[in-house]
Protein backbone atom coordinates (compact mmCIF):
# COMPACT_ATOMS: atom_id res chain seq x y z
CA MET A 1 2.24 76.67 21.36
CA ALA A 2 0.71 76.91 24.84
CA ASP A 3 0.52 73.77 26.95
CA ALA A 4 -2.86 72.05 26.86
CA PRO A 5 -4.71 72.30 30.15
CA THR A 6 -5.00 69.15 32.17
CA ARG A 7 -8.24 67.20 32.57
CA GLY A 8 -10.58 69.19 34.79
CA GLU A 9 -9.00 72.57 34.07
CA CYS A 10 -11.25 75.29 32.69
CA MET A 11 -10.77 78.30 30.51
CA ARG A 12 -12.62 81.59 30.50
CA ASP A 13 -14.27 83.08 27.43
CA ASP A 14 -11.49 85.56 26.93
CA ASP A 15 -8.68 82.99 27.13
CA PRO A 16 -7.04 82.18 23.77
CA VAL A 17 -7.61 78.66 22.40
CA PRO A 18 -4.34 76.92 21.59
CA GLN A 19 -4.03 75.42 18.13
CA GLY A 20 -4.66 71.70 17.80
CA ILE A 21 -7.07 71.54 20.76
CA LEU A 22 -10.77 70.68 20.55
CA TRP A 23 -13.25 71.71 23.24
CA THR A 24 -16.32 69.62 24.11
CA PRO A 25 -19.07 70.62 26.61
CA LEU A 26 -18.98 68.55 29.81
CA THR A 27 -21.21 68.45 32.86
CA ALA A 28 -19.81 69.30 36.27
CA ALA A 29 -20.57 65.83 37.50
CA SER A 30 -18.08 64.48 35.02
CA LEU A 31 -15.17 66.47 36.45
CA PRO A 32 -12.66 64.59 38.63
CA GLY A 33 -13.82 64.46 42.25
CA GLY A 34 -17.02 66.32 41.36
CA GLN A 35 -15.11 69.63 41.26
CA PRO A 36 -17.39 72.69 40.91
CA VAL A 37 -17.27 74.64 37.72
CA PRO A 38 -15.54 77.99 38.31
CA GLN A 39 -17.73 81.04 37.81
CA GLY A 40 -17.58 82.41 34.29
CA ALA A 41 -16.07 79.23 32.84
CA HIS A 42 -17.65 76.72 30.45
CA PRO A 43 -17.19 73.04 31.36
CA THR A 44 -15.10 71.41 28.64
CA VAL A 45 -12.89 68.37 27.95
CA VAL A 46 -9.68 68.71 25.99
CA VAL A 47 -8.91 66.35 23.08
CA THR A 48 -5.50 66.96 21.59
CA SER A 49 -4.66 66.58 17.93
CA GLU A 50 -2.29 63.74 18.86
CA ARG A 51 -5.23 61.76 20.29
CA LYS A 52 -7.24 62.39 17.14
CA ALA A 53 -4.30 61.27 15.03
CA THR A 54 -4.09 57.89 16.78
CA THR A 55 -7.84 57.18 16.94
CA ALA A 56 -8.46 57.39 13.20
CA PRO A 57 -5.74 54.87 12.21
CA ARG A 58 -7.05 52.46 14.83
CA ARG A 59 -10.49 52.63 13.27
CA ASP A 60 -8.94 52.01 9.84
CA VAL A 61 -7.01 48.96 11.13
CA ALA A 62 -10.15 47.54 12.74
CA ALA A 63 -12.06 47.97 9.47
CA ILE A 64 -9.29 46.27 7.53
CA LEU A 65 -9.18 43.34 9.97
CA GLU A 66 -12.95 42.91 9.82
CA ALA A 67 -12.83 42.95 6.01
CA GLU A 68 -10.11 40.27 6.06
CA ARG A 69 -12.15 38.14 8.46
CA ALA A 70 -15.19 38.44 6.19
CA TRP A 71 -13.08 37.51 3.17
CA ALA A 72 -11.65 34.49 5.04
CA ARG A 73 -15.15 33.31 5.96
CA VAL A 74 -16.24 33.48 2.32
CA VAL A 75 -13.16 31.54 1.19
CA LEU A 76 -13.56 28.85 3.86
CA ASP A 77 -17.23 28.39 3.00
CA ALA A 78 -16.30 27.95 -0.67
CA ILE A 79 -13.87 25.11 0.09
CA ASP A 80 -15.23 21.63 -0.64
CA GLU A 81 -13.76 20.31 2.60
CA GLY A 82 -14.81 20.56 6.22
CA VAL A 83 -12.73 23.19 8.06
CA LEU A 84 -12.82 23.51 11.86
CA THR A 85 -10.53 25.57 14.12
CA ILE A 86 -9.86 25.35 17.85
CA ASP A 87 -7.97 27.42 20.42
CA LEU A 88 -5.27 26.22 22.84
CA LEU A 89 -7.92 24.92 25.23
CA GLY A 90 -9.44 22.77 22.52
CA ARG A 91 -12.58 24.87 22.15
CA VAL A 92 -14.17 25.31 18.73
CA THR A 93 -13.63 28.78 17.30
CA HIS A 94 -14.86 28.38 13.72
CA MET A 95 -16.61 25.94 11.39
CA ASN A 96 -17.30 26.33 7.70
CA ARG A 97 -20.50 25.15 6.02
CA VAL A 98 -19.12 21.78 4.94
CA ALA A 99 -17.98 21.10 8.51
CA GLU A 100 -21.50 21.91 9.69
CA THR A 101 -22.95 19.44 7.18
CA LEU A 102 -20.52 16.64 8.04
CA THR A 103 -20.70 16.99 11.83
CA GLY A 104 -24.38 17.89 12.09
CA TRP A 105 -23.52 20.89 14.29
CA THR A 106 -24.21 24.49 13.34
CA GLN A 107 -21.50 27.04 14.02
CA PRO A 108 -23.49 28.92 16.71
CA GLU A 109 -24.06 25.62 18.52
CA ALA A 110 -20.42 24.55 18.26
CA ILE A 111 -18.56 27.77 19.10
CA GLY A 112 -16.93 27.51 22.52
CA LYS A 113 -17.66 23.80 22.96
CA PRO A 114 -14.87 21.23 23.48
CA LEU A 115 -13.59 19.66 20.28
CA SER A 116 -14.36 16.18 21.60
CA HIS A 117 -18.07 17.10 21.75
CA VAL A 118 -18.34 18.53 18.26
CA PHE A 119 -15.74 16.37 16.54
CA HIS A 120 -16.13 13.00 18.24
CA LEU A 121 -13.85 10.45 16.57
CA VAL A 122 -13.81 6.69 17.12
CA ASP A 123 -11.80 3.83 15.68
CA GLY A 124 -13.73 2.18 12.86
CA LYS A 125 -12.82 -1.33 14.05
CA THR A 126 -12.81 -1.09 17.85
CA GLN A 127 -15.29 1.81 18.18
CA GLN A 128 -12.99 3.25 20.86
CA THR A 129 -12.65 7.03 21.12
CA THR A 130 -9.48 8.30 19.45
CA ILE A 131 -7.36 11.35 20.24
CA PRO A 132 -8.54 14.30 18.13
CA PRO A 133 -5.88 15.28 15.58
CA GLY A 134 -6.22 18.95 16.53
CA ARG A 135 -4.94 18.23 20.02
CA ARG A 136 -1.95 16.31 18.65
CA ALA A 137 -1.18 19.15 16.24
CA ILE A 138 -1.08 21.63 19.15
CA GLU A 139 0.91 19.41 21.51
CA GLU A 140 3.45 18.31 18.89
CA ASN A 141 3.46 21.58 16.92
CA ARG A 142 3.30 19.75 13.62
CA ARG A 143 0.83 18.40 11.12
CA ALA A 144 -1.11 15.37 12.38
CA GLY A 145 -2.94 12.95 10.09
CA PHE A 146 -5.99 10.88 10.94
CA ALA A 147 -5.57 7.23 11.82
CA LEU A 148 -6.84 4.62 9.38
CA ASP A 149 -10.52 3.69 9.65
CA CYS A 150 -11.31 6.95 11.41
CA VAL A 151 -15.04 7.45 12.03
CA LEU A 152 -16.79 10.69 12.95
CA VAL A 153 -19.82 10.38 15.23
CA ARG A 154 -22.23 13.09 14.11
CA GLN A 155 -24.46 15.08 16.44
CA ASP A 156 -27.42 12.84 15.54
CA GLY A 157 -25.40 9.71 16.34
CA ARG A 158 -24.87 8.61 12.76
CA LYS A 159 -21.32 7.60 11.82
CA LEU A 160 -19.29 8.81 8.87
CA GLU A 161 -15.87 7.67 7.67
CA ILE A 162 -13.60 10.67 7.23
CA GLU A 163 -9.99 11.38 6.35
CA ASP A 164 -7.48 14.20 6.18
CA SER A 165 -5.35 16.06 8.71
CA ALA A 166 -4.82 18.85 11.26
CA ALA A 167 -2.13 21.52 11.53
CA PRO A 168 -1.13 24.03 14.23
CA ILE A 169 -2.01 27.73 13.90
CA HIS A 170 0.80 30.20 14.71
CA ASP A 171 0.80 33.90 15.52
CA ARG A 172 3.31 36.38 14.08
CA GLU A 173 5.87 35.45 16.72
CA GLY A 174 5.59 31.76 15.79
CA ARG A 175 3.70 30.77 18.94
CA VAL A 176 0.99 28.11 18.65
CA THR A 177 -2.43 29.65 19.18
CA GLY A 178 -4.65 26.77 18.11
CA ALA A 179 -5.17 24.26 15.32
CA VAL A 180 -7.10 23.89 12.08
CA ILE A 181 -8.67 20.57 11.09
CA VAL A 182 -9.50 19.87 7.46
CA PHE A 183 -11.56 16.76 6.72
CA HIS A 184 -13.86 15.18 4.14
CA ASP A 185 -16.14 12.22 3.57
CA ALA A 186 -13.87 9.21 2.96
CA THR A 187 -16.57 7.30 1.10
CA ARG A 188 -16.64 10.02 -1.55
CA SER A 189 -12.85 9.85 -1.87
CA ARG A 190 -12.97 6.05 -2.10
CA ALA A 191 -15.62 6.19 -4.80
CA MET A 192 -13.50 8.63 -6.79
CA SER A 193 -10.43 6.38 -6.45
CA GLU A 194 -12.42 3.38 -7.62
CA ARG A 195 -13.75 5.38 -10.57
CA MET A 196 -10.24 6.45 -11.58
CA ALA A 197 -8.98 2.87 -11.31
CA TYR A 198 -11.87 1.69 -13.47
CA LEU A 199 -11.25 4.31 -16.16
CA ALA A 200 -7.56 3.38 -16.25
CA GLN A 201 -8.55 -0.09 -17.48
CA HIS A 202 -11.77 0.48 -19.39
CA ASP A 203 -12.87 2.35 -22.48
CA ALA A 204 -14.80 5.48 -21.55
CA LEU A 205 -17.25 5.21 -24.46
CA THR A 206 -18.26 1.54 -24.36
CA GLY A 207 -17.24 0.52 -20.84
CA LEU A 208 -15.30 -2.43 -22.29
CA PRO A 209 -11.82 -3.39 -21.09
CA ASN A 210 -9.17 -1.29 -22.81
CA ARG A 211 -5.81 -2.26 -24.27
CA ALA A 212 -4.04 -2.13 -20.90
CA LEU A 213 -6.45 -4.58 -19.26
CA LEU A 214 -6.42 -6.84 -22.32
CA THR A 215 -2.60 -7.01 -22.21
CA GLU A 216 -2.73 -8.01 -18.56
CA ARG A 217 -5.34 -10.71 -19.13
CA LEU A 218 -3.63 -12.01 -22.27
CA SER A 219 -0.33 -12.48 -20.43
CA ARG A 220 -2.12 -14.35 -17.65
CA ALA A 221 -4.01 -16.54 -20.15
CA ILE A 222 -0.80 -17.49 -21.97
CA SER A 223 0.89 -18.42 -18.68
CA LEU A 224 -2.03 -20.67 -17.75
CA ALA A 225 -2.11 -22.19 -21.26
CA ARG A 226 1.57 -23.14 -20.97
CA ARG A 227 0.94 -24.78 -17.63
CA HIS A 228 -2.22 -26.67 -18.56
CA ARG A 229 -1.41 -27.25 -22.26
CA HIS A 230 -4.49 -25.69 -23.81
CA LEU A 231 -5.05 -23.06 -26.52
CA VAL A 232 -5.56 -19.31 -26.40
CA ALA A 233 -7.11 -17.44 -29.31
CA LEU A 234 -7.14 -13.76 -30.24
CA LEU A 235 -9.79 -12.45 -32.61
CA TYR A 236 -9.04 -9.05 -34.13
CA LEU A 237 -12.25 -7.33 -35.30
CA ASN A 238 -12.70 -4.30 -37.54
CA LEU A 239 -16.04 -2.74 -38.45
CA ASP A 240 -16.38 -2.56 -42.21
CA ALA A 241 -17.27 0.90 -43.57
CA PHE A 242 -17.49 2.54 -40.13
CA LYS A 243 -15.63 5.63 -41.35
CA SER A 244 -18.25 6.27 -44.02
CA ILE A 245 -21.05 6.04 -41.48
CA ASN A 246 -19.22 8.33 -39.10
CA ASP A 247 -18.55 10.90 -41.83
CA ALA A 248 -22.06 10.75 -43.30
CA LEU A 249 -24.10 10.83 -40.08
CA GLY A 250 -21.75 12.51 -37.62
CA HIS A 251 -19.69 11.50 -34.62
CA GLU A 252 -22.68 11.33 -32.29
CA VAL A 253 -24.28 8.58 -34.37
CA GLY A 254 -20.87 6.96 -34.78
CA ASP A 255 -20.37 6.80 -31.01
CA ARG A 256 -23.85 5.38 -30.43
CA LEU A 257 -23.18 2.79 -33.15
CA LEU A 258 -19.98 1.68 -31.42
CA GLN A 259 -21.89 1.26 -28.18
CA ALA A 260 -24.58 -0.76 -29.91
CA VAL A 261 -22.00 -3.00 -31.59
CA ALA A 262 -20.23 -3.54 -28.25
CA GLY A 263 -23.50 -4.63 -26.67
CA ARG A 264 -24.26 -7.02 -29.56
CA LEU A 265 -20.77 -8.57 -29.35
CA GLN A 266 -20.90 -8.98 -25.59
CA GLY A 267 -23.94 -11.17 -26.00
CA CYS A 268 -21.72 -13.73 -27.75
CA MET A 269 -19.09 -13.93 -24.99
CA ARG A 270 -18.52 -16.49 -22.24
CA ASP A 271 -17.71 -15.34 -18.72
CA THR A 272 -14.08 -16.36 -19.24
CA ASP A 273 -13.70 -14.37 -22.47
CA THR A 274 -12.59 -10.73 -22.75
CA LEU A 275 -14.01 -8.27 -25.28
CA CYS A 276 -11.78 -5.21 -25.60
CA ARG A 277 -12.13 -2.02 -27.57
CA GLN A 278 -8.72 -1.58 -29.12
CA GLY A 279 -9.47 1.92 -30.35
CA GLY A 280 -11.49 3.58 -33.12
CA ASP A 281 -13.58 0.94 -34.87
CA GLU A 282 -11.46 -2.03 -33.75
CA PHE A 283 -12.21 -4.64 -31.10
CA VAL A 284 -10.18 -7.60 -29.83
CA ILE A 285 -11.56 -10.75 -28.24
CA LEU A 286 -9.49 -13.00 -25.99
CA LEU A 287 -10.69 -16.60 -25.86
CA ALA A 288 -8.97 -18.42 -23.02
CA GLU A 289 -8.88 -22.16 -22.30
CA LEU A 290 -9.81 -23.46 -25.77
CA ARG A 291 -9.61 -27.17 -26.48
CA GLN A 292 -9.34 -27.05 -30.28
CA PRO A 293 -8.76 -24.45 -33.03
CA GLU A 294 -12.26 -24.92 -34.40
CA ASP A 295 -13.67 -23.34 -31.21
CA ALA A 296 -12.27 -19.96 -32.29
CA THR A 297 -13.82 -20.34 -35.75
CA THR A 298 -17.19 -21.12 -34.18
CA VAL A 299 -17.06 -17.93 -32.13
CA ALA A 300 -16.12 -15.87 -35.21
CA GLU A 301 -19.12 -17.19 -37.13
CA LYS A 302 -21.36 -16.44 -34.16
CA LEU A 303 -20.11 -12.82 -34.14
CA LEU A 304 -20.79 -12.39 -37.86
CA ALA A 305 -24.32 -13.73 -37.40
CA ALA A 306 -24.93 -11.36 -34.47
CA LEU A 307 -24.13 -8.34 -36.63
CA GLY A 308 -26.12 -9.72 -39.55
CA ARG A 309 -29.19 -8.05 -38.06
CA PRO A 310 -29.60 -4.27 -38.52
CA LEU A 311 -28.83 -1.93 -35.63
CA HIS A 312 -31.20 0.93 -34.84
CA VAL A 313 -29.28 4.04 -33.81
CA GLN A 314 -30.96 7.42 -33.27
CA GLY A 315 -33.62 6.77 -35.88
CA HIS A 316 -31.24 5.18 -38.40
CA GLU A 317 -31.30 1.54 -39.40
CA LEU A 318 -27.68 0.53 -39.91
CA LEU A 319 -26.18 -2.72 -41.09
CA VAL A 320 -22.49 -3.12 -40.36
CA THR A 321 -20.28 -6.12 -40.97
CA LEU A 322 -17.06 -7.41 -39.47
CA SER A 323 -13.67 -8.40 -40.80
CA ILE A 324 -12.13 -10.85 -38.34
CA GLY A 325 -8.60 -12.22 -38.02
CA ILE A 326 -7.77 -15.21 -35.80
CA SER A 327 -4.44 -16.14 -34.21
CA LEU A 328 -3.76 -19.06 -31.85
CA PHE A 329 -1.28 -19.69 -29.05
CA PRO A 330 0.92 -21.70 -29.28
CA ASP A 331 0.25 -22.68 -32.91
CA ASP A 332 0.80 -19.22 -34.46
CA ALA A 333 2.81 -17.34 -31.84
CA ASP A 334 4.61 -17.91 -28.54
CA ASP A 335 4.08 -14.52 -26.92
CA ALA A 336 1.40 -11.85 -26.57
CA ASP A 337 2.88 -9.30 -28.99
CA ALA A 338 3.29 -11.80 -31.83
CA LEU A 339 -0.17 -13.20 -31.21
CA MET A 340 -1.68 -9.72 -31.53
CA GLN A 341 0.28 -8.91 -34.67
CA ASN A 342 -0.70 -12.17 -36.34
CA ALA A 343 -4.40 -11.67 -35.56
CA ASP A 344 -4.16 -8.16 -37.00
CA THR A 345 -2.51 -9.52 -40.15
CA ALA A 346 -5.20 -12.17 -40.59
CA MET A 347 -7.90 -9.54 -40.21
CA TYR A 348 -6.35 -7.41 -42.93
CA HIS A 349 -6.35 -10.41 -45.25
CA THR A 350 -10.08 -10.76 -44.58
CA LYS A 351 -10.59 -7.13 -45.62
CA ARG A 352 -8.58 -7.62 -48.80
CA ASN A 353 -10.71 -10.62 -49.71
CA GLY A 354 -14.21 -9.20 -49.55
CA ARG A 355 -14.73 -8.31 -45.88
CA ASN A 356 -17.63 -9.63 -43.80
CA GLY A 357 -15.83 -12.81 -42.89
CA HIS A 358 -12.98 -14.34 -40.92
CA ARG A 359 -9.55 -15.79 -41.63
CA SER A 360 -7.06 -17.63 -39.47
CA PHE A 361 -3.40 -16.67 -39.53
CA THR A 362 -1.04 -18.76 -41.61
CA ALA A 363 2.70 -18.59 -42.09
CA GLU A 364 2.19 -17.67 -45.74
CA MET A 365 0.65 -14.34 -44.82
CA ASP A 366 3.30 -11.65 -45.33
CA VAL A 367 3.09 -9.33 -42.35
CA ARG A 368 5.14 -6.62 -44.06
CA GLN A 369 2.68 -6.34 -46.94
CA CYS A 370 -0.26 -6.02 -44.56
CA GLN A 371 0.38 -2.57 -43.20
CA ARG A 372 -3.05 -1.36 -42.28
CA ARG A 373 -4.86 1.25 -44.32
CA ARG A 374 -6.67 3.42 -41.79
CA GLY A 375 -8.94 5.09 -44.36
CA ASP A 376 -11.66 2.55 -45.11
CA SER A 377 -14.55 3.69 -47.28
CA GLY A 378 -17.82 2.02 -48.04
CA LEU A 379 -21.20 1.92 -46.35
CA GLN A 380 -23.11 -1.33 -46.55
CA ARG A 381 -26.50 0.11 -45.90
CA LEU A 382 -27.72 3.40 -44.59
CA LYS A 383 -31.42 3.99 -44.17
CA PRO A 384 -32.25 7.31 -42.48
CA PRO A 385 -35.90 7.95 -41.56
CA SER A 386 -38.21 8.81 -44.46
CA GLN A 387 -35.40 8.32 -46.96
CA GLY A 388 -34.40 5.62 -49.34
CA GLU A 389 -31.51 3.24 -49.11
CA PHE A 390 -28.03 4.66 -49.74
CA ASP A 391 -24.97 2.75 -50.84
CA PHE A 392 -21.59 4.45 -50.31
CA SER A 393 -19.49 1.43 -51.28
């Protein structure tokens, strides 16, 4: 193959064109040093096939990189956290939409500005400016967390508690090229933590304390009763015929009925008492600081009277009754587990003897013969709209 002519060389019409060479018209003014175009020659520029071979892949790489950047922007905007990046000089290079919302800055406004302007942090107690975590991440080349009580001063001057961390950004050779800061509203996180803590100790359906919280309060009540020599009572409650109602009218009505019963029972409680949903159709009441056993009996009768009035649930008039068992500390048991078991046993004796009543535990009650039957049939009264009265007992 003939050597390609150098830039500025010309070829005549009758000269052969070497393979792999492209010719493009060119004005004389474009020739090096303003060289004149030789007579009989056409001004051209030579582009070799090697040049063409390298230009196309570069365009492909640029397209791929731009596609990756676009993909990264979509991903960052989908994250439910504020994301902000800076270069080695501490200038903002990117913000996602959540970061814009939290800081009050838009990305066009923030790009190129110092981090301390866009992401102004102060101590929540002293209100003194704190070192941005992005700067620490770059200087120390490691992840940097926010200090406690960290407050972000938004562009409009409003303050927002935030939390999270920053990490250095590295290139392929491992050199630090900047930092990424990921942050979120701390009040939202705190609210979620409080909600989780609440659900860990309360029944999701009724909002009443659950078994875990009852156990904690019962242990505390027994400790205080030992110290001050007073009584503690446990009342174990079971709704008579709840299963029949639930099966006949559906779980939605059953759930609403449980909520209505919980509300009716709460109206009978003192501030020092604890009403717990034990599970299913069972409730437990802790009566702390009683002076005499008759106080527990009085409460039981008050509960029975409260449920003596019909409940109106989703258009149904329902009358449910209670079987109640009572156990006292220290008369019937000396620890929480035995107290619970004895109250359960007494409740089962109430069920075996006609329901809709209460019984106190006695030593003559055989716990082994009182294994609970979970299938309890019978519906005291069911009166759907526009229908007569049904009796499933």
